[in-house]
Amino acid sequence: MDRREIREARAGLDGLSLEAAVTVVDEPAESDTIRETLAIVAEDGIIRRTAVDDALATASKVVTTAETRTELAATSLEHVRDTAEPVSDLDLVTNRLNPFETRLEIIEDRTTDLGDRIQIIINHKNDGDLYDLAREIRRVTATANEIQRAADNLQLELETFEEWLEDPDHRVAELVDDIDAFEQSLDELDSVATDLAADDTELEDDAAVVWVQGTIQHRVTALMVDDIQYELATLREWADREGADRPAGVDQRLDDLETHHDALGERFANCAESPWYERFGDRVEDIDDALGEMEPPVAWNEVEAVIKEHQPSGE
């Protein structure tokens, strides 16, 4: 069909059975998708233009819910800003707060766009292509549901962040969680280093790739150490301001883990073979240079971007 024939065929969708309408719509989508889309503007199995109003009303309710949840998230963020204001000079605080601001802006922009899209559907509900209208209603509904989930998740994370701001014990518990994660990362690297030193033929990947991936991860854990030490120093300063108890009982554990970390670096260096350096040495140096420029509090999204750029998966 050419465009004129498609327009003429679709102009006759009103009054067709759902199954007949599916055969008329000329789209690259699967027939099940076309059927589900057309069902949005069907009544008792018959395509009806009058069904657009009901479908639009349902979609508008979903959009309204998304708008409401976005407003609630904005209110929560405003409240968190007020809570954070006394310690807004601490980078540890602002580095956690700023991403919430960015996420809310994105959600609000998407919510505004939804309202514009609903208005376009309203403007064309009496003369627009029924399939196009149904498809846009479906897409708007799906987007509104995504926005609602994003706004709800943001609000939940803001509540957790506010607890962290208000409760010193919560902050210490999170610090301990970070130390636990660091220890787990070292345990995983220990296992990799043991396999490499044993010349384990059961390694899933090329040993050189396993070595460079472990070496890169070891560089990343060095940033984890710096970040944890920075967080610990900041929490102690914060506790002094508030007259609260300083975080305690973690120094020896951190010292032991740092010793373990240093030993792992030597193990990865000692088990490396010359061809591995020839193959991946430049890549390791590039990552060292990039990560060496990062200081705490570490922007982990930037670390992930560096790793993604340089991490080998097998060559």
C-alpha atoms as a PDB file:
ATOM      1  CA  MET A   1       0.000   0.000   0.000  1.00  0.00           C
ATOM      2  CA  ASP A   2       1.117   3.563  -0.666  1.00  0.00           C
ATOM      3  CA  ARG A   3       0.490   6.344   1.858  1.00  0.00           C
ATOM      4  CA  ARG A   4      -2.803   7.389   0.256  1.00  0.00           C
ATOM      5  CA  GLU A   5      -4.122   3.821   0.348  1.00  0.00           C
ATOM      6  CA  ILE A   6      -3.052   3.429   3.963  1.00  0.00           C
ATOM      7  CA  ARG A   7      -4.851   6.649   4.948  1.00  0.00           C
ATOM      8  CA  GLU A   8      -7.995   5.546   3.122  1.00  0.00           C
ATOM      9  CA  ALA A   9      -7.931   2.100   4.694  1.00  0.00           C
ATOM     10  CA  ARG A  10      -7.406   3.455   8.168  1.00  0.00           C
ATOM     11  CA  ALA A  11     -10.132   6.035   7.672  1.00  0.00           C
ATOM     12  CA  GLY A  12     -12.493   3.081   7.512  1.00  0.00           C
ATOM     13  CA  LEU A  13     -11.403   1.481  10.786  1.00  0.00           C
ATOM     14  CA  ASP A  14     -14.393   2.906  12.649  1.00  0.00           C
ATOM     15  CA  GLY A  15     -16.985   0.122  12.769  1.00  0.00           C
ATOM     16  CA  LEU A  16     -14.645  -2.725  11.792  1.00  0.00           C
ATOM     17  CA  SER A  17     -14.210  -5.746  14.018  1.00  0.00           C
ATOM     18  CA  LEU A  18     -10.949  -5.805  15.921  1.00  0.00           C
ATOM     19  CA  GLU A  19      -9.644  -8.762  13.924  1.00  0.00           C
ATOM     20  CA  ALA A  20     -10.552  -7.170  10.595  1.00  0.00           C
ATOM     21  CA  ALA A  21      -8.897  -3.910  11.649  1.00  0.00           C
ATOM     22  CA  VAL A  22      -5.659  -5.754  12.447  1.00  0.00           C
ATOM     23  CA  THR A  23      -5.404  -6.870   8.814  1.00  0.00           C
ATOM     24  CA  VAL A  24      -5.990  -3.310   7.577  1.00  0.00           C
ATOM     25  CA  VAL A  25      -3.232  -1.679   9.660  1.00  0.00           C
ATOM     26  CA  ASP A  26       0.010  -1.751   7.700  1.00  0.00           C
ATOM     27  CA  GLU A  27       2.701  -1.581  10.379  1.00  0.00           C
ATOM     28  CA  PRO A  28       6.014  -3.371  10.959  1.00  0.00           C
ATOM     29  CA  ALA A  29       4.842  -4.277  14.466  1.00  0.00           C
ATOM     30  CA  GLU A  30       3.755  -7.809  15.385  1.00  0.00           C
ATOM     31  CA  SER A  31       0.069  -8.521  14.848  1.00  0.00           C
ATOM     32  CA  ASP A  32      -0.370  -9.104  18.600  1.00  0.00           C
ATOM     33  CA  THR A  33       0.998  -5.628  19.285  1.00  0.00           C
ATOM     34  CA  ILE A  34      -1.310  -4.111  16.668  1.00  0.00           C
ATOM     35  CA  ARG A  35      -4.251  -5.986  18.167  1.00  0.00           C
ATOM     36  CA  GLU A  36      -3.446  -4.810  21.709  1.00  0.00           C
ATOM     37  CA  THR A  37      -3.113  -1.237  20.453  1.00  0.00           C
ATOM     38  CA  LEU A  38      -6.393  -1.261  18.542  1.00  0.00           C
ATOM     39  CA  ALA A  39      -8.174  -2.808  21.525  1.00  0.00           C
ATOM     40  CA  ILE A  40      -7.668   0.546  23.247  1.00  0.00           C
ATOM     41  CA  VAL A  41     -10.215   2.108  20.865  1.00  0.00           C
ATOM     42  CA  ALA A  42     -12.582  -0.879  20.656  1.00  0.00           C
ATOM     43  CA  GLU A  43     -15.961  -1.498  22.271  1.00  0.00           C
ATOM     44  CA  ASP A  44     -17.220  -5.085  22.445  1.00  0.00           C
ATOM     45  CA  GLY A  45     -14.696  -6.117  19.818  1.00  0.00           C
ATOM     46  CA  ILE A  46     -15.579  -3.303  17.397  1.00  0.00           C
ATOM     47  CA  ILE A  47     -13.359  -0.317  16.616  1.00  0.00           C
ATOM     48  CA  ARG A  48     -15.203   2.862  17.598  1.00  0.00           C
ATOM     49  CA  ARG A  49     -14.100   6.491  17.487  1.00  0.00           C
ATOM     50  CA  THR A  50     -16.337   7.057  20.474  1.00  0.00           C
ATOM     51  CA  ALA A  51     -14.012   4.711  22.426  1.00  0.00           C
ATOM     52  CA  VAL A  52     -11.238   7.283  22.161  1.00  0.00           C
ATOM     53  CA  ASP A  53     -12.875   9.389  24.883  1.00  0.00           C
ATOM     54  CA  ASP A  54     -12.868   6.535  27.406  1.00  0.00           C
ATOM     55  CA  ALA A  55      -9.309   5.539  26.505  1.00  0.00           C
ATOM     56  CA  LEU A  56      -8.202   9.142  26.791  1.00  0.00           C
ATOM     57  CA  ALA A  57      -9.890   9.494  30.175  1.00  0.00           C
ATOM     58  CA  THR A  58      -8.084   6.406  31.460  1.00  0.00           C
ATOM     59  CA  ALA A  59      -4.737   7.640  30.138  1.00  0.00           C
ATOM     60  CA  SER A  60      -5.340  11.075  31.659  1.00  0.00           C
ATOM     61  CA  LYS A  61      -5.863   9.482  35.088  1.00  0.00           C
ATOM     62  CA  VAL A  62      -2.527   7.693  34.769  1.00  0.00           C
ATOM     63  CA  VAL A  63      -0.861  10.945  33.719  1.00  0.00           C
ATOM     64  CA  THR A  64      -2.451  12.783  36.651  1.00  0.00           C
ATOM     65  CA  THR A  65      -1.103  10.139  39.025  1.00  0.00           C
ATOM     66  CA  ALA A  66       2.381  10.579  37.559  1.00  0.00           C
ATOM     67  CA  GLU A  67       2.083  14.354  37.958  1.00  0.00           C
ATOM     68  CA  THR A  68       0.977  13.980  41.575  1.00  0.00           C
ATOM     69  CA  ARG A  69       3.841  11.618  42.428  1.00  0.00           C
ATOM     70  CA  THR A  70       6.271  14.035  40.770  1.00  0.00           C
ATOM     71  CA  GLU A  71       4.939  16.881  42.895  1.00  0.00           C
ATOM     72  CA  LEU A  72       5.322  14.751  46.031  1.00  0.00           C
ATOM     73  CA  ALA A  73       8.919  13.959  45.085  1.00  0.00           C
ATOM     74  CA  ALA A  74       9.586  17.673  44.554  1.00  0.00           C
ATOM     75  CA  THR A  75       8.141  18.440  47.995  1.00  0.00           C
ATOM     76  CA  SER A  76      10.311  15.735  49.546  1.00  0.00           C
ATOM     77  CA  LEU A  77      13.401  17.144  47.860  1.00  0.00           C
ATOM     78  CA  GLU A  78      12.618  20.627  49.133  1.00  0.00           C
ATOM     79  CA  HIS A  79      12.284  19.252  52.656  1.00  0.00           C
ATOM     80  CA  VAL A  80      15.574  17.377  52.321  1.00  0.00           C
ATOM     81  CA  ARG A  81      17.295  20.551  51.077  1.00  0.00           C
ATOM     82  CA  ASP A  82      16.178  22.309  54.261  1.00  0.00           C
ATOM     83  CA  THR A  83      17.424  19.417  56.397  1.00  0.00           C
ATOM     84  CA  ALA A  84      20.794  19.412  54.619  1.00  0.00           C
ATOM     85  CA  GLU A  85      21.290  23.175  54.750  1.00  0.00           C
ATOM     86  CA  PRO A  86      23.316  23.248  58.033  1.00  0.00           C
ATOM     87  CA  VAL A  87      25.873  20.835  56.576  1.00  0.00           C
ATOM     88  CA  SER A  88      25.705  21.955  52.948  1.00  0.00           C
ATOM     89  CA  ASP A  89      29.388  22.922  53.132  1.00  0.00           C
ATOM     90  CA  LEU A  90      30.339  19.234  53.396  1.00  0.00           C
ATOM     91  CA  ASP A  91      31.131  17.723  49.990  1.00  0.00           C
ATOM     92  CA  LEU A  92      29.955  14.359  51.261  1.00  0.00           C
ATOM     93  CA  VAL A  93      26.471  15.860  51.617  1.00  0.00           C
ATOM     94  CA  THR A  94      26.291  17.920  48.436  1.00  0.00           C
ATOM     95  CA  ASN A  95      27.646  15.081  46.306  1.00  0.00           C
ATOM     96  CA  ARG A  96      24.735  12.954  47.444  1.00  0.00           C
ATOM     97  CA  LEU A  97      22.156  15.705  47.206  1.00  0.00           C
ATOM     98  CA  ASN A  98      22.985  17.030  43.731  1.00  0.00           C
ATOM     99  CA  PRO A  99      22.071  13.846  41.813  1.00  0.00           C
ATOM    100  CA  PHE A 100      18.586  13.996  43.358  1.00  0.00           C
ATOM    101  CA  GLU A 101      18.200  17.497  41.910  1.00  0.00           C
ATOM    102  CA  THR A 102      19.180  16.262  38.460  1.00  0.00           C
ATOM    103  CA  ARG A 103      16.842  13.290  38.612  1.00  0.00           C
ATOM    104  CA  LEU A 104      13.903  15.456  39.650  1.00  0.00           C
ATOM    105  CA  GLU A 105      14.535  17.866  36.762  1.00  0.00           C
ATOM    106  CA  ILE A 106      14.440  14.969  34.300  1.00  0.00           C
ATOM    107  CA  ILE A 107      11.218  13.615  35.811  1.00  0.00           C
ATOM    108  CA  GLU A 108       9.577  17.043  35.771  1.00  0.00           C
ATOM    109  CA  ASP A 109      10.544  17.615  32.126  1.00  0.00           C
ATOM    110  CA  ARG A 110       9.077  14.251  31.143  1.00  0.00           C
ATOM    111  CA  THR A 111       5.901  15.001  33.100  1.00  0.00           C
ATOM    112  CA  THR A 112       5.435  18.328  31.292  1.00  0.00           C
ATOM    113  CA  ASP A 113       5.887  16.535  27.982  1.00  0.00           C
ATOM    114  CA  LEU A 114       3.086  14.118  28.938  1.00  0.00           C
ATOM    115  CA  GLY A 115       0.637  16.965  29.341  1.00  0.00           C
ATOM    116  CA  ASP A 116       1.543  18.288  25.905  1.00  0.00           C
ATOM    117  CA  ARG A 117       1.058  14.862  24.343  1.00  0.00           C
ATOM    118  CA  ILE A 118      -2.355  14.420  25.968  1.00  0.00           C
ATOM    119  CA  GLN A 119      -3.418  17.781  24.550  1.00  0.00           C
ATOM    120  CA  ILE A 120      -2.388  16.706  21.042  1.00  0.00           C
ATOM    121  CA  ILE A 121      -4.528  13.581  21.369  1.00  0.00           C
ATOM    122  CA  ILE A 122      -7.477  15.708  22.504  1.00  0.00           C
ATOM    123  CA  ASN A 123      -7.018  18.033  19.521  1.00  0.00           C
ATOM    124  CA  HIS A 124      -7.180  15.128  17.059  1.00  0.00           C
ATOM    125  CA  LYS A 125      -9.542  12.715  18.761  1.00  0.00           C
ATOM    126  CA  ASN A 126     -12.411  13.481  16.341  1.00  0.00           C
ATOM    127  CA  ASP A 127     -10.505  13.339  13.070  1.00  0.00           C
ATOM    128  CA  GLY A 128      -7.143  11.645  13.735  1.00  0.00           C
ATOM    129  CA  ASP A 129      -6.079   8.231  12.511  1.00  0.00           C
ATOM    130  CA  LEU A 130      -7.622   5.792  15.016  1.00  0.00           C
ATOM    131  CA  TYR A 131      -4.606   3.514  15.067  1.00  0.00           C
ATOM    132  CA  ASP A 132      -2.229   6.442  15.557  1.00  0.00           C
ATOM    133  CA  LEU A 133      -4.413   7.767  18.362  1.00  0.00           C
ATOM    134  CA  ALA A 134      -4.533   4.376  20.065  1.00  0.00           C
ATOM    135  CA  ARG A 135      -0.799   3.930  19.713  1.00  0.00           C
ATOM    136  CA  GLU A 136      -0.068   7.343  21.208  1.00  0.00           C
ATOM    137  CA  ILE A 137      -2.503   6.742  24.077  1.00  0.00           C
ATOM    138  CA  ARG A 138      -0.711   3.468  24.771  1.00  0.00           C
ATOM    139  CA  ARG A 139       2.711   5.125  24.646  1.00  0.00           C
ATOM    140  CA  VAL A 140       1.631   8.007  26.875  1.00  0.00           C
ATOM    141  CA  THR A 141       0.218   5.551  29.411  1.00  0.00           C
ATOM    142  CA  ALA A 142       3.428   3.509  29.423  1.00  0.00           C
ATOM    143  CA  THR A 143       5.561   6.633  29.822  1.00  0.00           C
ATOM    144  CA  ALA A 144       3.349   7.922  32.636  1.00  0.00           C
ATOM    145  CA  ASN A 145       3.755   4.616  34.470  1.00  0.00           C
ATOM    146  CA  GLU A 146       7.538   4.849  34.049  1.00  0.00           C
ATOM    147  CA  ILE A 147       7.513   8.402  35.408  1.00  0.00           C
ATOM    148  CA  GLN A 148       5.400   7.377  38.370  1.00  0.00           C
ATOM    149  CA  ARG A 149       7.843   4.590  39.232  1.00  0.00           C
ATOM    150  CA  ALA A 150      10.795   6.970  38.860  1.00  0.00           C
ATOM    151  CA  ALA A 151       9.128   9.561  41.100  1.00  0.00           C
ATOM    152  CA  ASP A 152       8.214   6.938  43.703  1.00  0.00           C
ATOM    153  CA  ASN A 153      11.757   5.558  43.726  1.00  0.00           C
ATOM    154  CA  LEU A 154      13.162   9.067  44.053  1.00  0.00           C
ATOM    155  CA  GLN A 155      10.902   9.804  46.998  1.00  0.00           C
ATOM    156  CA  LEU A 156      11.892   6.563  48.755  1.00  0.00           C
ATOM    157  CA  GLU A 157      15.580   7.321  48.255  1.00  0.00           C
ATOM    158  CA  LEU A 158      15.050  10.848  49.538  1.00  0.00           C
ATOM    159  CA  GLU A 159      13.468   9.442  52.693  1.00  0.00           C
ATOM    160  CA  THR A 160      16.493   7.200  53.208  1.00  0.00           C
ATOM    161  CA  PHE A 161      18.834  10.109  52.544  1.00  0.00           C
ATOM    162  CA  GLU A 162      16.979  12.254  55.080  1.00  0.00           C
ATOM    163  CA  GLU A 163      17.383   9.521  57.683  1.00  0.00           C
ATOM    164  CA  TRP A 164      21.104   9.525  56.900  1.00  0.00           C
ATOM    165  CA  LEU A 165      21.206  13.305  57.378  1.00  0.00           C
ATOM    166  CA  GLU A 166      19.380  13.228  60.703  1.00  0.00           C
ATOM    167  CA  ASP A 167      20.727  10.095  62.364  1.00  0.00           C
ATOM    168  CA  PRO A 168      24.456   9.672  63.154  1.00  0.00           C
ATOM    169  CA  ASP A 169      23.929   5.959  63.817  1.00  0.00           C
ATOM    170  CA  HIS A 170      22.444   5.572  60.348  1.00  0.00           C
ATOM    171  CA  ARG A 171      25.503   7.238  58.844  1.00  0.00           C
ATOM    172  CA  VAL A 172      27.856   4.934  60.742  1.00  0.00           C
ATOM    173  CA  ALA A 173      25.842   1.872  59.710  1.00  0.00           C
ATOM    174  CA  GLU A 174      26.159   2.927  56.069  1.00  0.00           C
ATOM    175  CA  LEU A 175      29.900   3.433  56.510  1.00  0.00           C
ATOM    176  CA  VAL A 176      30.181  -0.112  57.864  1.00  0.00           C
ATOM    177  CA  ASP A 177      28.213  -1.346  54.844  1.00  0.00           C
ATOM    178  CA  ASP A 178      30.771   0.362  52.600  1.00  0.00           C
ATOM    179  CA  ILE A 179      33.597  -1.341  54.474  1.00  0.00           C
ATOM    180  CA  ASP A 180      31.807  -4.688  54.113  1.00  0.00           C
ATOM    181  CA  ALA A 181      31.512  -4.104  50.359  1.00  0.00           C
ATOM    182  CA  PHE A 182      35.223  -3.269  50.192  1.00  0.00           C
ATOM    183  CA  GLU A 183      36.096  -6.453  52.045  1.00  0.00           C
ATOM    184  CA  GLN A 184      33.896  -8.515  49.727  1.00  0.00           C
ATOM    185  CA  SER A 185      35.618  -6.998  46.688  1.00  0.00           C
ATOM    186  CA  LEU A 186      39.009  -7.945  48.130  1.00  0.00           C
ATOM    187  CA  ASP A 187      37.836 -11.506  48.788  1.00  0.00           C
ATOM    188  CA  GLU A 188      36.732 -11.807  45.161  1.00  0.00           C
ATOM    189  CA  LEU A 189      40.093 -10.468  43.956  1.00  0.00           C
ATOM    190  CA  ASP A 190      41.873 -12.885  46.283  1.00  0.00           C
ATOM    191  CA  SER A 191      40.109 -15.777  44.576  1.00  0.00           C
ATOM    192  CA  VAL A 192      41.077 -14.483  41.126  1.00  0.00           C
ATOM    193  CA  ALA A 193      44.717 -14.023  42.152  1.00  0.00           C
ATOM    194  CA  THR A 194      44.801 -17.559  43.566  1.00  0.00           C
ATOM    195  CA  ASP A 195      43.463 -19.016  40.306  1.00  0.00           C
ATOM    196  CA  LEU A 196      46.004 -17.076  38.254  1.00  0.00           C
ATOM    197  CA  ALA A 197      48.924 -18.084  40.467  1.00  0.00           C
ATOM    198  CA  ALA A 198      47.871 -21.730  40.179  1.00  0.00           C
ATOM    199  CA  ASP A 199      47.790 -21.427  36.372  1.00  0.00           C
ATOM    200  CA  ASP A 200      44.213 -22.704  36.590  1.00  0.00           C
ATOM    201  CA  THR A 201      43.250 -24.155  33.215  1.00  0.00           C
ATOM    202  CA  GLU A 202      39.608 -24.051  34.280  1.00  0.00           C
ATOM    203  CA  LEU A 203      39.464 -20.260  34.033  1.00  0.00           C
ATOM    204  CA  GLU A 204      36.492 -19.365  31.885  1.00  0.00           C
ATOM    205  CA  ASP A 205      38.393 -16.696  29.972  1.00  0.00           C
ATOM    206  CA  ASP A 206      41.835 -16.187  28.569  1.00  0.00           C
ATOM    207  CA  ALA A 207      44.177 -15.893  31.584  1.00  0.00           C
ATOM    208  CA  ALA A 208      45.533 -12.569  30.290  1.00  0.00           C
ATOM    209  CA  VAL A 209      42.008 -11.132  30.182  1.00  0.00           C
ATOM    210  CA  VAL A 210      41.293 -12.434  33.687  1.00  0.00           C
ATOM    211  CA  TRP A 211      44.524 -10.846  34.895  1.00  0.00           C
ATOM    212  CA  VAL A 212      43.855  -7.425  33.392  1.00  0.00           C
ATOM    213  CA  GLN A 213      40.246  -7.404  34.619  1.00  0.00           C
ATOM    214  CA  GLY A 214      41.470  -8.258  38.124  1.00  0.00           C
ATOM    215  CA  THR A 215      44.203  -5.635  37.902  1.00  0.00           C
ATOM    216  CA  ILE A 216      41.681  -2.988  36.862  1.00  0.00           C
ATOM    217  CA  GLN A 217      39.332  -3.976  39.676  1.00  0.00           C
ATOM    218  CA  HIS A 218      42.258  -3.707  42.102  1.00  0.00           C
ATOM    219  CA  ARG A 219      42.776  -0.113  40.931  1.00  0.00           C
ATOM    220  CA  VAL A 220      39.091   0.577  41.556  1.00  0.00           C
ATOM    221  CA  THR A 221      39.257  -0.819  45.085  1.00  0.00           C
ATOM    222  CA  ALA A 222      42.078   1.640  45.775  1.00  0.00           C
ATOM    223  CA  LEU A 223      39.510   4.390  45.169  1.00  0.00           C
ATOM    224  CA  MET A 224      37.138   2.607  47.544  1.00  0.00           C
ATOM    225  CA  VAL A 225      39.787   2.849  50.261  1.00  0.00           C
ATOM    226  CA  ASP A 226      40.248   6.573  49.675  1.00  0.00           C
ATOM    227  CA  ASP A 227      36.508   7.144  49.599  1.00  0.00           C
ATOM    228  CA  ILE A 228      35.915   5.267  52.850  1.00  0.00           C
ATOM    229  CA  GLN A 229      38.715   7.130  54.612  1.00  0.00           C
ATOM    230  CA  TYR A 230      37.296  10.438  53.379  1.00  0.00           C
ATOM    231  CA  GLU A 231      33.810   9.455  54.525  1.00  0.00           C
ATOM    232  CA  LEU A 232      35.132   8.440  57.945  1.00  0.00           C
ATOM    233  CA  ALA A 233      36.975  11.759  58.397  1.00  0.00           C
ATOM    234  CA  THR A 234      33.873  13.723  57.352  1.00  0.00           C
ATOM    235  CA  LEU A 235      31.583  11.787  59.686  1.00  0.00           C
ATOM    236  CA  ARG A 236      33.944  12.477  62.574  1.00  0.00           C
ATOM    237  CA  GLU A 237      33.951  16.190  61.775  1.00  0.00           C
ATOM    238  CA  TRP A 238      30.157  16.103  61.514  1.00  0.00           C
ATOM    239  CA  ALA A 239      29.845  14.314  64.856  1.00  0.00           C
ATOM    240  CA  ASP A 240      32.043  16.948  66.499  1.00  0.00           C
ATOM    241  CA  ARG A 241      29.765  19.714  65.192  1.00  0.00           C
ATOM    242  CA  GLU A 242      26.693  18.030  66.618  1.00  0.00           C
ATOM    243  CA  GLY A 243      28.289  16.876  69.831  1.00  0.00           C
ATOM    244  CA  ALA A 244      27.575  13.276  68.880  1.00  0.00           C
ATOM    245  CA  ASP A 245      29.758  10.190  69.306  1.00  0.00           C
ATOM    246  CA  ARG A 246      32.433   9.826  66.672  1.00  0.00           C
ATOM    247  CA  PRO A 247      32.471   6.642  64.531  1.00  0.00           C
ATOM    248  CA  ALA A 248      34.725   4.201  66.349  1.00  0.00           C
ATOM    249  CA  GLY A 249      35.940   0.633  66.100  1.00  0.00           C
ATOM    250  CA  VAL A 250      36.705   0.711  62.386  1.00  0.00           C
ATOM    251  CA  ASP A 251      40.314   1.908  62.209  1.00  0.00           C
ATOM    252  CA  GLN A 252      41.986  -1.448  62.837  1.00  0.00           C
ATOM    253  CA  ARG A 253      39.672  -3.187  60.403  1.00  0.00           C
ATOM    254  CA  LEU A 254      40.470  -0.606  57.717  1.00  0.00           C
ATOM    255  CA  ASP A 255      44.201  -0.951  58.392  1.00  0.00           C
ATOM    256  CA  ASP A 256      43.962  -4.734  57.986  1.00  0.00           C
ATOM    257  CA  LEU A 257      41.968  -4.405  54.766  1.00  0.00           C
ATOM    258  CA  GLU A 258      44.429  -1.895  53.329  1.00  0.00           C
ATOM    259  CA  THR A 259      47.272  -4.315  54.086  1.00  0.00           C
ATOM    260  CA  HIS A 260      45.321  -7.028  52.307  1.00  0.00           C
ATOM    261  CA  HIS A 261      44.741  -4.669  49.387  1.00  0.00           C
ATOM    262  CA  ASP A 262      48.453  -3.871  49.064  1.00  0.00           C
ATOM    263  CA  ALA A 263      49.345  -7.569  49.169  1.00  0.00           C
ATOM    264  CA  LEU A 264      46.860  -8.298  46.402  1.00  0.00           C
ATOM    265  CA  GLY A 265      48.485  -5.670  44.214  1.00  0.00           C
ATOM    266  CA  GLU A 266      51.814  -7.459  44.603  1.00  0.00           C
ATOM    267  CA  ARG A 267      50.224 -10.821  43.817  1.00  0.00           C
ATOM    268  CA  PHE A 268      48.667  -9.564  40.585  1.00  0.00           C
ATOM    269  CA  ALA A 269      51.988  -8.000  39.578  1.00  0.00           C
ATOM    270  CA  ASN A 270      53.983 -11.151  40.390  1.00  0.00           C
ATOM    271  CA  CYS A 271      51.740 -13.565  38.501  1.00  0.00           C
ATOM    272  CA  ALA A 272      51.659 -11.484  35.313  1.00  0.00           C
ATOM    273  CA  GLU A 273      53.520 -12.798  32.290  1.00  0.00           C
ATOM    274  CA  SER A 274      55.376 -10.580  29.832  1.00  0.00           C
ATOM    275  CA  PRO A 275      52.894 -11.175  26.953  1.00  0.00           C
ATOM    276  CA  TRP A 276      50.091  -9.974  29.236  1.00  0.00           C
ATOM    277  CA  TYR A 277      51.853  -6.650  29.743  1.00  0.00           C
ATOM    278  CA  GLU A 278      52.556  -6.381  26.024  1.00  0.00           C
ATOM    279  CA  ARG A 279      48.882  -6.978  25.297  1.00  0.00           C
ATOM    280  CA  PHE A 280      47.243  -4.915  28.002  1.00  0.00           C
ATOM    281  CA  GLY A 281      49.911  -2.723  29.595  1.00  0.00           C
ATOM    282  CA  ASP A 282      48.860   0.433  27.749  1.00  0.00           C
ATOM    283  CA  ARG A 283      45.264  -0.092  28.782  1.00  0.00           C
ATOM    284  CA  VAL A 284      46.178  -0.454  32.444  1.00  0.00           C
ATOM    285  CA  GLU A 285      48.281   2.715  32.257  1.00  0.00           C
ATOM    286  CA  ASP A 286      45.384   4.637  30.664  1.00  0.00           C
ATOM    287  CA  ILE A 287      43.053   3.546  33.451  1.00  0.00           C
ATOM    288  CA  ASP A 288      45.660   4.408  36.074  1.00  0.00           C
ATOM    289  CA  ASP A 289      45.946   7.904  34.615  1.00  0.00           C
ATOM    290  CA  ALA A 290      42.179   8.402  34.477  1.00  0.00           C
ATOM    291  CA  LEU A 291      41.485   7.040  37.961  1.00  0.00           C
ATOM    292  CA  GLY A 292      44.498   8.870  39.392  1.00  0.00           C
ATOM    293  CA  GLU A 293      42.776  12.178  38.665  1.00  0.00           C
ATOM    294  CA  MET A 294      39.750  11.239  40.790  1.00  0.00           C
ATOM    295  CA  GLU A 295      39.581  12.339  44.393  1.00  0.00           C
ATOM    296  CA  PRO A 296      37.054  11.650  47.134  1.00  0.00           C
ATOM    297  CA  PRO A 297      34.213  11.953  47.389  1.00  0.00           C
ATOM    298  CA  VAL A 298      34.418   9.717  44.328  1.00  0.00           C
ATOM    299  CA  ALA A 299      31.910  10.158  41.510  1.00  0.00           C
ATOM    300  CA  TRP A 300      31.319   6.459  40.891  1.00  0.00           C
ATOM    301  CA  ASN A 301      29.380   7.038  37.683  1.00  0.00           C
ATOM    302  CA  GLU A 302      32.564   8.553  36.248  1.00  0.00           C
ATOM    303  CA  VAL A 303      34.579   5.559  37.429  1.00  0.00           C
ATOM    304  CA  GLU A 304      32.108   3.231  35.723  1.00  0.00           C
ATOM    305  CA  ALA A 305      32.440   5.211  32.496  1.00  0.00           C
ATOM    306  CA  VAL A 306      36.244   4.884  32.586  1.00  0.00           C
ATOM    307  CA  ILE A 307      36.047   1.142  33.228  1.00  0.00           C
ATOM    308  CA  LYS A 308      33.481   0.658  30.487  1.00  0.00           C
ATOM    309  CA  GLU A 309      35.736   2.454  28.033  1.00  0.00           C
ATOM    310  CA  HIS A 310      38.862   0.446  28.814  1.00  0.00           C
ATOM    311  CA  GLN A 311      37.688  -2.888  30.226  1.00  0.00           C
ATOM    312  CA  PRO A 312      38.587  -5.786  27.900  1.00  0.00           C
ATOM    313  CA  SER A 313      36.095  -8.605  27.449  1.00  0.00           C
ATOM    314  CA  GLY A 314      38.410 -10.818  25.420  1.00  0.00           C
ATOM    315  CA  GLU A 315      40.405 -10.035  22.351  1.00  0.00           C
END
